[in-house]
Amino acid sequence: MLKKRAYSYLKIASTLDGKIATRTGHSRWI
């Protein structure tokens, strides 16, 4: 009604120390 834009969800899958992938980019499966 006020901002005329889509409502946005952000999904993050993380380890306890805040990482979403290893240094090589491997993330399947956290």
All heavy atoms as atom14 arrays in JSON, in Angstrom:
{
  "sequence": "MLKKRAYSYLKIASTLDGKIATRTGHSRWI",
  "atom14_mask": [
    [1, 1, 1, 1, 1, 1, 1, 1, 0, 0, 0, 0, 0, 0],
    [1, 1, 1, 1, 1, 1, 1, 1, 0, 0, 0, 0, 0, 0],
    [1, 1, 1, 1, 1, 1, 1, 1, 1, 0, 0, 0, 0, 0],
    [1, 1, 1, 1, 1, 1, 1, 1, 1, 0, 0, 0, 0, 0],
    [1, 1, 1, 1, 1, 1, 1, 1, 1, 1, 1, 0, 0, 0],
    [1, 1, 1, 1, 1, 0, 0, 0, 0, 0, 0, 0, 0, 0],
    [1, 1, 1, 1, 1, 1, 1, 1, 1, 1, 1, 1, 0, 0],
    [1, 1, 1, 1, 1, 1, 0, 0, 0, 0, 0, 0, 0, 0],
    [1, 1, 1, 1, 1, 1, 1, 1, 1, 1, 1, 1, 0, 0],
    [1, 1, 1, 1, 1, 1, 1, 1, 0, 0, 0, 0, 0, 0],
    [1, 1, 1, 1, 1, 1, 1, 1, 1, 0, 0, 0, 0, 0],
    [1, 1, 1, 1, 1, 1, 1, 1, 0, 0, 0, 0, 0, 0],
    [1, 1, 1, 1, 1, 0, 0, 0, 0, 0, 0, 0, 0, 0],
    [1, 1, 1, 1, 1, 1, 0, 0, 0, 0, 0, 0, 0, 0],
    [1, 1, 1, 1, 1, 1, 1, 0, 0, 0, 0, 0, 0, 0],
    [1, 1, 1, 1, 1, 1, 1, 1, 0, 0, 0, 0, 0, 0],
    [1, 1, 1, 1, 1, 1, 1, 1, 0, 0, 0, 0, 0, 0],
    [1, 1, 1, 1, 0, 0, 0, 0, 0, 0, 0, 0, 0, 0],
    [1, 1, 1, 1, 1, 1, 1, 1, 1, 0, 0, 0, 0, 0],
    [1, 1, 1, 1, 1, 1, 1, 1, 0, 0, 0, 0, 0, 0],
    [1, 1, 1, 1, 1, 0, 0, 0, 0, 0, 0, 0, 0, 0],
    [1, 1, 1, 1, 1, 1, 1, 0, 0, 0, 0, 0, 0, 0],
    [1, 1, 1, 1, 1, 1, 1, 1, 1, 1, 1, 0, 0, 0],
    [1, 1, 1, 1, 1, 1, 1, 0, 0, 0, 0, 0, 0, 0],
    [1, 1, 1, 1, 0, 0, 0, 0, 0, 0, 0, 0, 0, 0],
    [1, 1, 1, 1, 1, 1, 1, 1, 1, 1, 0, 0, 0, 0],
    [1, 1, 1, 1, 1, 1, 0, 0, 0, 0, 0, 0, 0, 0],
    [1, 1, 1, 1, 1, 1, 1, 1, 1, 1, 1, 0, 0, 0],
    [1, 1, 1, 1, 1, 1, 1, 1, 1, 1, 1, 1, 1, 1],
    [1, 1, 1, 1, 1, 1, 1, 1, 0, 0, 0, 0, 0, 0]
  ],
  "atom14_positions": [
    [[0.82, -1.2, 0.0], [0.0, 0.0, 0.0], [0.86, 1.27, 0.0], [0.57, 2.23, -0.72], [-0.92, -0.02, 1.22], [-1.93, 1.1, 1.29], [-3.13, 0.8, 2.62], [-2.09, 0.47, 4.03], [0.0, 0.0, 0.0], [0.0, 0.0, 0.0], [0.0, 0.0, 0.0], [0.0, 0.0, 0.0], [0.0, 0.0, 0.0], [0.0, 0.0, 0.0]],
    [[1.94, 1.27, 0.77], [2.73, 2.49, 0.96], [3.92, 2.61, 0.01], [4.23, 3.7, -0.46], [3.22, 2.58, 2.41], [2.13, 2.64, 3.5], [2.78, 2.76, 4.87], [1.18, 3.8, 3.26], [0.0, 0.0, 0.0], [0.0, 0.0, 0.0], [0.0, 0.0, 0.0], [0.0, 0.0, 0.0], [0.0, 0.0, 0.0], [0.0, 0.0, 0.0]],
    [[4.6, 1.49, -0.26], [5.83, 1.55, -1.05], [5.68, 0.99, -2.46], [6.6, 1.13, -3.28], [6.97, 0.83, -0.31], [7.34, 1.51, 1.0], [8.64, 0.96, 1.56], [9.05, 1.72, 2.82], [10.33, 1.2, 3.38], [0.0, 0.0, 0.0], [0.0, 0.0, 0.0], [0.0, 0.0, 0.0], [0.0, 0.0, 0.0], [0.0, 0.0, 0.0]],
    [[4.57, 0.33, -2.73], [4.28, -0.15, -4.09], [5.4, -1.03, -4.64], [5.84, -0.89, -5.78], [4.06, 1.03, -5.05], [3.08, 2.07, -4.56], [1.68, 1.54, -4.43], [0.72, 2.67, -4.06], [-0.58, 2.2, -3.61], [0.0, 0.0, 0.0], [0.0, 0.0, 0.0], [0.0, 0.0, 0.0], [0.0, 0.0, 0.0], [0.0, 0.0, 0.0]],
    [[5.88, -1.96, -3.83], [6.89, -2.9, -4.3], [6.64, -4.28, -3.72], [5.83, -4.46, -2.8], [8.3, -2.43, -3.94], [8.63, -2.48, -2.45], [10.15, -2.44, -2.25], [10.55, -2.3, -0.85], [10.65, -3.32, -0.01], [10.35, -4.55, -0.39], [11.04, -3.11, 1.25], [0.0, 0.0, 0.0], [0.0, 0.0, 0.0], [0.0, 0.0, 0.0]],
    [[7.33, -5.27, -4.28], [7.18, -6.65, -3.81], [7.76, -6.8, -2.41], [8.76, -6.19, -2.05], [7.88, -7.61, -4.77], [0.0, 0.0, 0.0], [0.0, 0.0, 0.0], [0.0, 0.0, 0.0], [0.0, 0.0, 0.0], [0.0, 0.0, 0.0], [0.0, 0.0, 0.0], [0.0, 0.0, 0.0], [0.0, 0.0, 0.0], [0.0, 0.0, 0.0]],
    [[7.1, -7.65, -1.61], [7.57, -7.98, -0.26], [8.72, -8.97, -0.4], [8.62, -9.97, -1.11], [6.42, -8.59, 0.53], [6.68, -8.79, 2.0], [6.49, -7.76, 2.9], [7.07, -10.03, 2.5], [6.7, -7.94, 4.26], [7.28, -10.23, 3.84], [7.09, -9.18, 4.73], [7.3, -9.38, 6.07], [0.0, 0.0, 0.0], [0.0, 0.0, 0.0]],
    [[9.81, -8.72, 0.31], [11.06, -9.44, 0.06], [11.46, -10.33, 1.24], [11.69, -9.85, 2.35], [12.18, -8.43, -0.22], [13.43, -9.05, -0.26], [0.0, 0.0, 0.0], [0.0, 0.0, 0.0], [0.0, 0.0, 0.0], [0.0, 0.0, 0.0], [0.0, 0.0, 0.0], [0.0, 0.0, 0.0], [0.0, 0.0, 0.0], [0.0, 0.0, 0.0]],
    [[11.56, -11.63, 0.96], [12.15, -12.58, 1.9], [13.63, -12.77, 1.52], [13.96, -12.89, 0.34], [11.48, -13.95, 1.82], [10.03, -14.01, 2.24], [9.03, -14.07, 1.28], [9.67, -14.04, 3.57], [7.69, -14.15, 1.64], [8.34, -14.13, 3.96], [7.35, -14.18, 2.99], [6.03, -14.27, 3.35], [0.0, 0.0, 0.0], [0.0, 0.0, 0.0]],
    [[14.49, -12.85, 2.52], [15.89, -13.22, 2.31], [16.15, -14.51, 3.06], [15.88, -14.59, 4.27], [16.82, -12.11, 2.81], [18.32, -12.45, 2.85], [18.85, -12.75, 1.46], [19.11, -11.31, 3.51], [0.0, 0.0, 0.0], [0.0, 0.0, 0.0], [0.0, 0.0, 0.0], [0.0, 0.0, 0.0], [0.0, 0.0, 0.0], [0.0, 0.0, 0.0]],
    [[16.66, -15.52, 2.36], [16.98, -16.8, 2.99], [18.49, -16.98, 3.06], [19.2, -16.79, 2.08], [16.35, -17.94, 2.19], [16.53, -19.33, 2.82], [17.83, -20.03, 2.46], [17.97, -20.35, 1.0], [19.26, -21.12, 0.72], [0.0, 0.0, 0.0], [0.0, 0.0, 0.0], [0.0, 0.0, 0.0], [0.0, 0.0, 0.0], [0.0, 0.0, 0.0]],
    [[18.98, -17.32, 4.25], [20.39, -17.61, 4.45], [20.49, -18.98, 5.14], [19.81, -19.22, 6.14], [21.08, -16.55, 5.33], [21.03, -15.17, 4.66], [22.51, -16.96, 5.64], [21.91, -15.02, 3.47], [0.0, 0.0, 0.0], [0.0, 0.0, 0.0], [0.0, 0.0, 0.0], [0.0, 0.0, 0.0], [0.0, 0.0, 0.0], [0.0, 0.0, 0.0]],
    [[21.33, -19.86, 4.62], [21.66, -21.13, 5.28], [23.11, -21.04, 5.72], [24.01, -20.91, 4.89], [21.44, -22.3, 4.33], [0.0, 0.0, 0.0], [0.0, 0.0, 0.0], [0.0, 0.0, 0.0], [0.0, 0.0, 0.0], [0.0, 0.0, 0.0], [0.0, 0.0, 0.0], [0.0, 0.0, 0.0], [0.0, 0.0, 0.0], [0.0, 0.0, 0.0]],
    [[23.34, -21.1, 7.02], [24.66, -20.79, 7.56], [25.11, -21.8, 8.61], [24.29, -22.43, 9.29], [24.63, -19.38, 8.18], [25.79, -19.1, 8.92], [0.0, 0.0, 0.0], [0.0, 0.0, 0.0], [0.0, 0.0, 0.0], [0.0, 0.0, 0.0], [0.0, 0.0, 0.0], [0.0, 0.0, 0.0], [0.0, 0.0, 0.0], [0.0, 0.0, 0.0]],
    [[26.44, -21.93, 8.74], [27.0, -22.66, 9.86], [26.92, -21.8, 11.12], [26.61, -20.6, 11.04], [28.47, -23.02, 9.59], [29.2, -21.79, 9.43], [28.6, -23.85, 8.32], [0.0, 0.0, 0.0], [0.0, 0.0, 0.0], [0.0, 0.0, 0.0], [0.0, 0.0, 0.0], [0.0, 0.0, 0.0], [0.0, 0.0, 0.0], [0.0, 0.0, 0.0]],
    [[27.26, -22.37, 12.26], [27.2, -21.61, 13.5], [28.2, -20.46, 13.52], [27.99, -19.46, 14.22], [27.47, -22.54, 14.7], [26.37, -23.56, 15.02], [26.79, -24.41, 16.21], [25.03, -22.87, 15.3], [0.0, 0.0, 0.0], [0.0, 0.0, 0.0], [0.0, 0.0, 0.0], [0.0, 0.0, 0.0], [0.0, 0.0, 0.0], [0.0, 0.0, 0.0]],
    [[29.28, -20.58, 12.75], [30.25, -19.48, 12.7], [30.02, -18.55, 11.51], [30.92, -17.84, 11.07], [31.69, -20.0, 12.72], [31.98, -21.05, 11.65], [31.02, -21.66, 11.15], [33.15, -21.28, 11.34], [0.0, 0.0, 0.0], [0.0, 0.0, 0.0], [0.0, 0.0, 0.0], [0.0, 0.0, 0.0], [0.0, 0.0, 0.0], [0.0, 0.0, 0.0]],
    [[28.79, -18.56, 10.99], [28.39, -17.55, 10.01], [28.89, -17.75, 8.6], [29.0, -16.78, 7.84], [0.0, 0.0, 0.0], [0.0, 0.0, 0.0], [0.0, 0.0, 0.0], [0.0, 0.0, 0.0], [0.0, 0.0, 0.0], [0.0, 0.0, 0.0], [0.0, 0.0, 0.0], [0.0, 0.0, 0.0], [0.0, 0.0, 0.0], [0.0, 0.0, 0.0]],
    [[29.16, -18.99, 8.19], [29.65, -19.27, 6.85], [28.57, -19.93, 6.01], [27.86, -20.82, 6.46], [30.88, -20.17, 6.9], [32.02, -19.66, 7.78], [32.53, -18.3, 7.32], [33.68, -17.83, 8.2], [34.16, -16.49, 7.83], [0.0, 0.0, 0.0], [0.0, 0.0, 0.0], [0.0, 0.0, 0.0], [0.0, 0.0, 0.0], [0.0, 0.0, 0.0]],
    [[28.47, -19.48, 4.74], [27.5, -20.06, 3.82], [28.16, -20.98, 2.8], [27.48, -21.62, 2.01], [26.7, -18.96, 3.09], [27.62, -18.05, 2.28], [25.87, -18.16, 4.08], [26.89, -17.04, 1.42], [0.0, 0.0, 0.0], [0.0, 0.0, 0.0], [0.0, 0.0, 0.0], [0.0, 0.0, 0.0], [0.0, 0.0, 0.0], [0.0, 0.0, 0.0]],
    [[29.49, -21.05, 2.83], [30.23, -21.95, 1.96], [31.68, -22.0, 2.43], [32.14, -21.13, 3.19], [30.16, -21.49, 0.5], [0.0, 0.0, 0.0], [0.0, 0.0, 0.0], [0.0, 0.0, 0.0], [0.0, 0.0, 0.0], [0.0, 0.0, 0.0], [0.0, 0.0, 0.0], [0.0, 0.0, 0.0], [0.0, 0.0, 0.0], [0.0, 0.0, 0.0]],
    [[32.4, -23.02, 1.98], [33.82, -23.09, 2.27], [34.58, -22.06, 1.43], [34.01, -21.4, 0.57], [34.37, -24.49, 1.95], [34.3, -24.7, 0.52], [33.55, -25.58, 2.64], [0.0, 0.0, 0.0], [0.0, 0.0, 0.0], [0.0, 0.0, 0.0], [0.0, 0.0, 0.0], [0.0, 0.0, 0.0], [0.0, 0.0, 0.0], [0.0, 0.0, 0.0]],
    [[35.87, -21.98, 1.65], [36.69, -21.02, 0.89], [36.69, -21.32, -0.61], [36.93, -20.44, -1.43], [38.13, -20.99, 1.41], [38.87, -22.32, 1.26], [40.33, -22.16, 1.59], [40.53, -21.8, 2.99], [41.67, -21.3, 3.44], [42.68, -21.07, 2.61], [41.82, -21.01, 4.72], [0.0, 0.0, 0.0], [0.0, 0.0, 0.0], [0.0, 0.0, 0.0]],
    [[36.37, -22.59, -0.97], [36.31, -22.96, -2.39], [34.92, -22.78, -2.98], [34.71, -23.05, -4.17], [36.74, -24.43, -2.57], [35.82, -25.28, -1.87], [38.15, -24.65, -2.05], [0.0, 0.0, 0.0], [0.0, 0.0, 0.0], [0.0, 0.0, 0.0], [0.0, 0.0, 0.0], [0.0, 0.0, 0.0], [0.0, 0.0, 0.0], [0.0, 0.0, 0.0]],
    [[33.96, -22.36, -2.15], [32.59, -22.17, -2.63], [31.7, -23.38, -2.44], [30.53, -23.34, -2.84], [0.0, 0.0, 0.0], [0.0, 0.0, 0.0], [0.0, 0.0, 0.0], [0.0, 0.0, 0.0], [0.0, 0.0, 0.0], [0.0, 0.0, 0.0], [0.0, 0.0, 0.0], [0.0, 0.0, 0.0], [0.0, 0.0, 0.0], [0.0, 0.0, 0.0]],
    [[32.18, -24.45, -1.82], [31.38, -25.66, -1.63], [30.36, -25.43, -0.52], [30.71, -25.02, 0.59], [32.29, -26.84, -1.28], [31.54, -28.14, -1.18], [31.21, -28.73, 0.02], [31.05, -28.94, -2.15], [30.55, -29.85, -0.21], [30.45, -30.01, -1.52], [0.0, 0.0, 0.0], [0.0, 0.0, 0.0], [0.0, 0.0, 0.0], [0.0, 0.0, 0.0]],
    [[29.08, -25.7, -0.82], [28.02, -25.42, 0.17], [26.98, -26.53, 0.28], [26.0, -26.37, 1.0], [27.32, -24.11, -0.18], [26.69, -24.21, -1.46], [0.0, 0.0, 0.0], [0.0, 0.0, 0.0], [0.0, 0.0, 0.0], [0.0, 0.0, 0.0], [0.0, 0.0, 0.0], [0.0, 0.0, 0.0], [0.0, 0.0, 0.0], [0.0, 0.0, 0.0]],
    [[27.13, -27.64, -0.44], [26.14, -28.71, -0.41], [26.59, -29.85, 0.5], [27.58, -30.51, 0.21], [25.9, -29.24, -1.82], [25.27, -28.2, -2.74], [24.86, -28.81, -4.05], [24.21, -27.81, -4.9], [23.76, -28.06, -6.13], [23.89, -29.28, -6.65], [23.18, -27.11, -6.83], [0.0, 0.0, 0.0], [0.0, 0.0, 0.0], [0.0, 0.0, 0.0]],
    [[25.84, -30.12, 1.56], [24.73, -29.27, 2.01], [25.05, -28.76, 3.41], [25.53, -29.52, 4.25], [23.4, -30.02, 2.02], [22.94, -30.44, 0.66], [22.97, -31.69, 0.13], [22.34, -29.6, -0.34], [22.43, -31.7, -1.13], [22.03, -30.42, -1.43], [22.03, -28.25, -0.42], [21.45, -29.93, -2.6], [21.45, -27.76, -1.55], [21.16, -28.6, -2.63]],
    [[24.77, -27.49, 3.65], [24.94, -26.95, 4.99], [23.82, -27.42, 5.89], [24.04, -27.89, 7.01], [25.0, -25.4, 4.95], [26.28, -24.94, 4.26], [24.91, -24.82, 6.36], [26.37, -23.44, 4.08], [0.0, 0.0, 0.0], [0.0, 0.0, 0.0], [0.0, 0.0, 0.0], [0.0, 0.0, 0.0], [0.0, 0.0, 0.0], [0.0, 0.0, 0.0]]
  ]
}
